[in-house]
Protein backbone atom coordinates (compact mmCIF):
# COMPACT_ATOMS: atom_id res chain seq x y z
CA UNK A 1 110.16 109.67 101.04
CA UNK A 2 106.64 110.07 100.38
CA UNK A 3 105.65 106.60 99.43
CA UNK A 4 101.44 107.02 99.75
CA UNK A 5 100.24 107.67 96.84
CA UNK A 6 99.94 109.71 93.13
CA UNK A 7 97.21 111.02 94.20
CA UNK A 8 99.50 112.50 97.16
CA UNK A 9 101.70 114.76 94.88
CA UNK A 10 100.87 117.66 93.69
CA UNK A 11 99.14 119.30 90.05
CA UNK A 12 101.55 119.36 87.10
CA UNK A 13 102.26 123.04 86.87
CA UNK A 14 101.48 123.35 83.63
CA UNK A 15 98.37 121.83 84.56
CA UNK A 16 98.42 125.16 87.18
CA UNK A 17 99.15 127.11 84.40
CA UNK A 18 96.18 126.01 82.36
CA UNK A 19 93.68 127.06 84.82
CA UNK A 20 95.04 130.35 84.65
CA UNK A 21 94.74 130.57 81.12
CA UNK A 22 91.15 129.62 81.31
CA UNK A 23 90.23 131.86 84.28
CA UNK A 24 89.07 134.52 81.96
CA UNK A 25 86.36 135.71 80.60
CA UNK A 26 82.56 134.06 80.29
CA UNK A 27 82.11 130.00 78.95
CA UNK A 28 78.92 128.09 78.11
CA UNK A 29 78.53 125.94 80.93
CA UNK A 30 77.73 122.36 81.33
CA UNK A 31 80.29 121.75 78.58
CA UNK A 32 79.34 123.83 75.47
CA UNK A 33 82.06 125.97 75.94
CA UNK A 34 85.62 126.15 73.57
CA UNK A 35 87.64 124.81 76.23
CA UNK A 36 86.05 121.61 75.98
CA UNK A 37 85.44 121.54 72.43
CA UNK A 38 89.50 122.25 72.02
CA UNK A 39 89.52 118.80 74.39
CA UNK A 40 87.18 116.99 71.62
CA UNK A 41 89.89 117.49 68.86
CA UNK A 42 92.71 116.59 70.87
CA UNK A 43 91.26 113.20 72.32
CA UNK A 44 90.22 112.79 68.60
CA UNK A 45 94.44 112.36 68.20
CA UNK A 46 95.66 110.94 70.90
CA UNK A 47 92.97 108.34 70.37
CA UNK A 48 93.28 108.04 67.26
CA UNK A 49 89.44 107.82 66.01
CA UNK A 50 87.07 110.75 65.82
CA UNK A 51 83.69 108.49 66.57
CA UNK A 52 83.15 108.90 70.48
CA UNK A 53 81.78 110.56 72.99
CA UNK A 54 83.60 112.15 76.49
CA UNK A 55 82.37 113.20 80.16
CA UNK A 56 84.37 114.11 82.09
CA UNK A 57 84.58 114.15 86.08
CA UNK A 58 86.54 115.15 88.91
CA UNK A 59 86.83 111.30 90.46
CA UNK A 60 87.54 107.78 89.11
CA UNK A 61 84.88 106.22 91.68
CA UNK A 62 82.39 107.99 89.89
CA UNK A 63 83.55 108.45 86.20
CA UNK A 64 83.35 104.21 87.03
CA UNK A 65 79.96 103.60 88.74
CA UNK A 66 78.50 106.81 85.93
CA UNK A 67 79.43 104.66 83.10
CA UNK A 68 78.98 100.99 84.59
CA UNK A 69 75.68 102.02 85.14
CA UNK A 70 74.14 103.05 81.73
CA UNK A 71 75.55 99.34 80.72
CA UNK A 72 74.53 97.63 83.87
CA UNK A 73 70.70 97.16 85.05
CA UNK A 74 69.42 96.59 88.38
CA UNK A 75 69.20 93.43 87.88
CA UNK A 76 72.57 92.59 85.98
CA UNK A 77 75.94 92.06 86.86
CA UNK A 78 79.68 93.28 86.17
CA UNK A 79 81.89 91.05 85.77
CA UNK A 80 85.54 92.31 87.69
CA UNK A 81 88.20 91.39 89.67
CA UNK A 82 88.26 90.80 93.59
CA UNK A 83 90.91 92.91 94.14
CA UNK A 84 89.66 95.77 91.04
CA UNK A 85 89.03 99.54 92.54
CA UNK A 86 85.26 98.85 91.80
CA UNK A 87 85.52 95.76 94.65
CA UNK A 88 88.07 96.79 97.01
CA UNK A 89 87.63 100.72 97.38
CA UNK A 90 84.32 102.43 96.08
CA UNK A 91 82.01 101.60 98.82
CA UNK A 92 79.89 100.05 96.61
CA UNK A 93 79.42 103.30 93.72
CA UNK A 94 78.25 100.95 90.90
CA UNK A 95 76.10 98.71 92.80
CA UNK A 96 74.69 102.31 93.78
CA UNK A 97 74.86 104.05 90.31
CA UNK A 98 72.80 101.42 88.61
CA UNK A 99 70.51 101.00 91.19
CA UNK A 100 71.03 97.34 92.75
CA UNK A 101 73.78 95.80 90.32
CA UNK A 102 76.01 93.15 91.95
CA UNK A 103 79.94 92.08 91.27
CA UNK A 104 80.02 89.07 90.55
CA UNK A 105 83.83 88.96 91.76
CA UNK A 106 86.55 86.92 90.00
CA UNK A 107 90.34 85.92 90.60
CA UNK A 108 93.76 85.75 89.23
CA UNK A 109 97.13 86.81 90.05
CA UNK A 110 98.35 90.21 90.10
CA UNK A 111 94.92 91.27 90.16
CA UNK A 112 94.90 90.27 86.63
CA UNK A 113 90.92 87.65 86.06
CA UNK A 114 92.28 84.31 84.68
CA UNK A 115 91.03 83.25 81.81
CA UNK A 116 90.06 80.21 83.12
CA UNK A 117 87.52 82.27 85.88
CA UNK A 118 85.88 84.35 82.89
CA UNK A 119 85.31 81.69 80.43
CA UNK A 120 83.37 79.90 84.05
CA UNK A 121 82.04 82.89 84.36
CA UNK A 122 80.84 83.75 80.85
CA UNK A 123 79.34 80.52 80.19
CA UNK A 124 77.53 80.39 83.71
CA UNK A 125 75.42 83.40 82.28
CA UNK A 126 71.76 82.38 81.63
CA UNK A 127 69.50 85.72 81.27
CA UNK A 128 66.30 83.59 81.54
CA UNK A 129 67.19 81.57 85.02
CA UNK A 130 65.69 83.58 87.09
CA UNK A 131 67.63 82.70 90.33
CA UNK A 132 70.82 84.11 89.28
CA UNK A 133 72.10 87.55 88.33
CA UNK A 134 73.49 87.21 84.95
CA UNK A 135 76.76 89.17 84.05
CA UNK A 136 76.29 92.37 81.54
CA UNK A 137 79.48 93.97 81.67
CA UNK A 138 83.13 93.17 82.00
CA UNK A 139 85.09 95.26 83.63
CA UNK A 140 89.20 95.66 83.49
CA UNK A 141 91.33 97.48 85.56
CA UNK A 142 95.10 98.89 83.66
CA UNK A 143 97.57 99.41 86.02
CA UNK A 144 95.81 96.66 88.23
CA UNK A 145 95.72 97.38 91.63
CA UNK A 146 98.75 94.91 92.15
CA UNK A 147 100.36 97.07 89.61
CA UNK A 148 100.48 94.93 87.08
CA UNK A 149 99.63 95.65 83.79
CA UNK A 150 97.21 93.84 81.08
CA UNK A 151 99.09 93.83 78.04
CA UNK A 152 96.98 95.29 74.76
CA UNK A 153 96.61 91.73 72.84
CA UNK A 154 95.59 89.75 76.20
CA UNK A 155 92.45 92.91 76.91
CA UNK A 156 91.67 92.46 73.18
CA UNK A 157 91.32 88.56 73.55
CA UNK A 158 89.04 89.10 76.89
CA UNK A 159 86.78 91.58 74.95
CA UNK A 160 86.39 89.23 72.54
CA UNK A 161 84.94 86.12 74.89
CA UNK A 162 82.70 88.83 76.10
CA UNK A 163 81.65 89.53 74.01
CA UNK A 164 80.99 86.86 72.17
CA UNK A 165 79.05 85.86 75.57
CA UNK A 166 76.71 89.57 74.52
CA UNK A 167 78.61 91.47 77.09
CA UNK A 168 79.78 95.15 77.61
CA UNK A 169 83.39 95.67 78.14
CA UNK A 170 84.76 98.45 80.79
CA UNK A 171 88.25 99.58 81.32
CA UNK A 172 89.31 101.25 84.44
CA UNK A 173 92.65 103.19 83.33
CA UNK A 174 93.12 105.16 86.38
CA UNK A 175 96.48 104.50 86.14
CA UNK A 176 96.22 104.33 82.43
CA UNK A 177 99.21 105.89 81.26
CA UNK A 178 101.30 103.87 83.43
CA UNK A 179 100.05 101.08 81.86
CA UNK A 180 100.93 102.66 77.85
CA UNK A 181 103.87 103.29 78.94
CA UNK A 182 105.19 99.72 80.34
CA UNK A 183 103.56 97.69 77.29
CA UNK A 184 104.52 99.81 75.34
CA UNK A 185 101.16 99.86 73.50
CA UNK A 186 99.24 103.63 72.70
CA UNK A 187 95.90 104.50 74.20
CA UNK A 188 93.37 102.83 70.45
CA UNK A 189 95.56 99.84 70.88
CA UNK A 190 94.39 99.47 74.44
CA UNK A 191 91.00 101.19 74.27
CA UNK A 192 89.20 100.54 71.28
CA UNK A 193 91.20 98.42 68.36
CA UNK A 194 91.11 96.10 71.48
CA UNK A 195 87.20 96.55 71.87
CA UNK A 196 87.11 98.04 74.87
CA UNK A 197 83.40 99.80 74.63
CA UNK A 198 83.64 102.35 77.38
CA UNK A 199 86.85 104.07 78.50
CA UNK A 200 87.02 105.31 82.08
CA UNK A 201 90.74 107.60 81.37
CA UNK A 202 92.41 108.66 84.19
CA UNK A 203 94.95 112.06 84.47
CA UNK A 204 94.37 112.98 88.79
CA UNK A 205 97.26 110.01 88.97
CA UNK A 206 99.21 111.70 86.36
CA UNK A 207 99.20 114.87 87.27
CA UNK A 208 96.26 116.40 87.19
CA UNK A 209 94.34 118.23 90.05
CA UNK A 210 91.51 116.08 89.67
CA UNK A 211 89.84 114.98 86.01
CA UNK A 212 88.91 111.39 84.61
CA UNK A 213 87.20 111.36 81.31
CA UNK A 214 84.37 109.17 79.95
CA UNK A 215 84.86 107.78 76.47
CA UNK A 216 82.45 105.61 74.92
CA UNK A 217 83.18 104.19 71.17
CA UNK A 218 80.68 102.33 69.10
CA UNK A 219 77.27 100.86 69.68
CA UNK A 220 78.26 102.21 73.20
CA UNK A 221 77.42 105.96 72.50
CA UNK A 222 73.98 105.37 72.67
CA UNK A 223 74.20 105.29 75.97
CA UNK A 224 75.74 108.84 75.86
CA UNK A 225 72.26 111.01 76.42
CA UNK A 226 71.60 108.35 79.93
CA UNK A 227 75.24 109.35 80.71
CA UNK A 228 74.41 112.83 81.49
CA UNK A 229 70.80 112.14 82.81
CA UNK A 230 72.99 110.51 85.04
CA UNK A 231 75.39 112.87 86.16
CA UNK A 232 72.93 115.50 86.05
CA UNK A 233 70.99 113.21 89.00
CA UNK A 234 73.55 112.03 90.92
CA UNK A 235 75.83 115.81 90.79
CA UNK A 236 78.33 114.91 88.73
CA UNK A 237 77.70 117.17 85.59
CA UNK A 238 80.48 120.27 86.43
CA UNK A 239 78.40 123.74 85.33
CA UNK A 240 82.12 124.97 85.22
CA UNK A 241 83.15 122.30 82.78
CA UNK A 242 86.73 124.21 81.50
CA UNK A 243 88.51 123.89 84.13
CA UNK A 244 88.35 120.17 83.87
CA UNK A 245 88.77 120.13 80.53
CA UNK A 246 91.73 122.86 80.77
CA UNK A 247 93.59 120.15 82.90
CA UNK A 248 93.35 117.32 80.63
CA UNK A 249 94.30 119.63 77.44
CA UNK A 250 97.62 120.51 79.64
CA UNK A 251 98.10 117.12 79.94
CA UNK A 252 97.46 115.55 76.10
CA UNK A 253 99.30 117.95 74.89
CA UNK A 254 103.17 116.38 73.31
CA UNK A 255 102.66 113.82 74.63
CA UNK A 256 103.18 115.03 78.29
CA UNK A 257 101.00 112.40 80.85
CA UNK A 258 102.98 109.77 78.83
CA UNK A 259 106.57 111.56 80.28
CA UNK A 260 105.25 112.07 83.73
CA UNK A 261 103.98 108.23 83.86
CA UNK A 262 107.64 107.58 82.38
CA UNK A 263 109.05 109.66 84.97
CA UNK A 264 106.86 107.55 88.05
CA UNK A 265 107.47 103.53 86.41
CA UNK A 266 110.92 104.55 85.91
CA UNK A 267 111.64 105.88 89.51
CA UNK A 268 108.89 102.42 90.99
CA UNK A 269 111.27 100.53 89.19
CA UNK A 270 114.67 102.22 91.16
CA UNK A 271 112.68 101.84 94.04
CA UNK A 272 112.00 98.31 93.76
CA UNK A 273 115.72 97.89 92.49
CA UNK A 274 116.80 99.21 95.69
CA UNK A 275 114.97 96.92 97.93
CA UNK A 276 115.28 94.10 96.90
CA UNK A 277 118.81 94.25 97.26
CA UNK A 278 118.08 93.69 101.31
CA UNK A 279 117.86 90.43 102.62
CA UNK A 280 114.53 89.61 103.34
CA UNK A 281 112.79 91.58 101.01
CA UNK A 282 110.80 89.91 98.48
CA UNK A 283 108.75 91.76 95.52
CA UNK A 284 105.47 90.52 95.36
CA UNK A 285 104.09 91.16 91.94
CA UNK A 286 106.18 92.14 88.96
CA UNK A 287 106.66 96.34 89.18
CA UNK A 288 104.33 97.33 85.53
CA UNK A 289 104.52 100.45 86.53
CA UNK A 290 104.20 102.90 89.49
CA UNK A 291 103.71 100.98 92.28
CA UNK A 292 105.91 98.50 93.93
CA UNK A 293 104.72 95.65 96.52
CA UNK A 294 107.66 94.13 99.06
CA UNK A 295 107.57 91.78 102.10
CA UNK A 296 109.97 93.78 104.10
CA UNK A 297 111.28 92.81 107.34
CA UNK A 298 110.43 94.16 110.57
CA UNK A 299 114.55 95.68 111.12
CA UNK A 300 113.73 97.53 106.89
CA UNK A 301 110.17 99.05 107.63
CA UNK A 302 111.78 99.99 110.78
CA UNK A 303 114.39 102.00 109.48
CA UNK A 304 112.14 103.07 106.69
CA UNK A 305 109.88 104.83 108.85
CA UNK A 306 111.92 105.97 111.47
CA UNK A 307 113.18 107.93 108.58
CA UNK A 308 110.35 109.89 107.15
CA UNK A 309 109.18 107.04 104.78
CA UNK A 310 105.61 107.09 103.74
CA UNK A 311 104.15 103.79 102.56
CA UNK A 312 101.31 101.79 102.86
CA UNK A 313 100.25 98.26 104.46
CA UNK A 314 98.44 96.34 102.18
CA UNK A 315 95.52 93.75 102.57
CA UNK A 316 97.94 90.92 102.05
CA UNK A 317 100.39 92.54 104.31
CA UNK A 318 103.40 93.43 102.20
CA UNK A 319 103.56 97.14 101.41
CA UNK A 320 102.84 99.26 98.58
CA UNK A 321 104.82 102.06 97.56
CA UNK A 322 103.78 104.24 95.22
CA UNK A 323 105.76 107.02 92.95
CA UNK A 324 104.73 109.82 91.20
CA UNK A 325 105.37 111.87 88.33
CA UNK A 326 107.30 114.27 91.20
CA UNK A 327 109.16 111.48 92.40
CA UNK A 328 113.15 112.79 91.54
CA UNK A 329 116.17 111.82 91.86
CA UNK A 330 116.91 113.54 94.78
CA UNK A 331 113.84 111.18 96.78
CA UNK A 332 115.70 107.74 95.24
CA UNK A 333 118.72 108.80 97.28
CA UNK A 334 117.54 109.38 100.31
CA UNK A 335 116.40 106.34 99.94
CA UNK A 336 119.35 104.98 99.03
CA UNK A 337 120.73 106.04 101.92
CA UNK A 338 118.86 104.75 104.46
CA UNK A 339 119.00 101.58 103.42
CA UNK A 340 122.72 101.28 102.95
């Protein structure tokens, strides 16, 4: 009963098979290989668009920091939720990669930015006032760090507000497959159609060994050469990129990544249902994906840990339980037997 994180789960077998298939012969370096070229076609079909540029990274922190650094100057700021991954979990990587860009933290329930806070922050932007740091980017996260999902319509609404103020819109999609399944949206609807300029498409948490894709849309594509230069300078230009591309191909083919997210989401809902049958258990956030945040009484928490369940205590004192593509019915049955 390991509910510590979806990053604790192994890579999906199809990913390992894909890696073995491309591990033969010589291929050009740095993304100039046939496997990465194949991925472009698959991405185009997945995104429902032909005009985009992309770059592959091995970690979400690298993809977020690289992407944001192309759009936030050292003298600028990034609007984001105070509980976002870039604020809480990336050890200043966006600030470091941008050479000093500042994160401007906003509030809102479920780690979703409250509209009034966003409007207030946008209204305060004054590039001519030297004593404050003007925002250049709005960064949204889906799923959020509280496991909730922005509907595509809300992303589009926020993106329109941000663009009216001259901002670039970044979407941290480390768990975007879970959000898509939960909201019944397509990747196109939640990214470029919603006004997203740069998408960090996460596959590691969905079943990859380590694969994140930075995707640039529209005018943001003018930053592609800068993105590659920053990737090279920071050590994020994989010489054997075919191995990252092979992982993405395995997961995106025939919608496997969405099937895996669907399983994780279903198991999370089952975990939440079981826990909430216990007196004294309080669900902290809606379960929109594969993360469950609950307040457990000491007896329940102790019983779970004594049975070998692994989960983390969150910053607000709640307990976070995360399911993955590999979480099966047997795990749910075991959890039920412990809680009965």
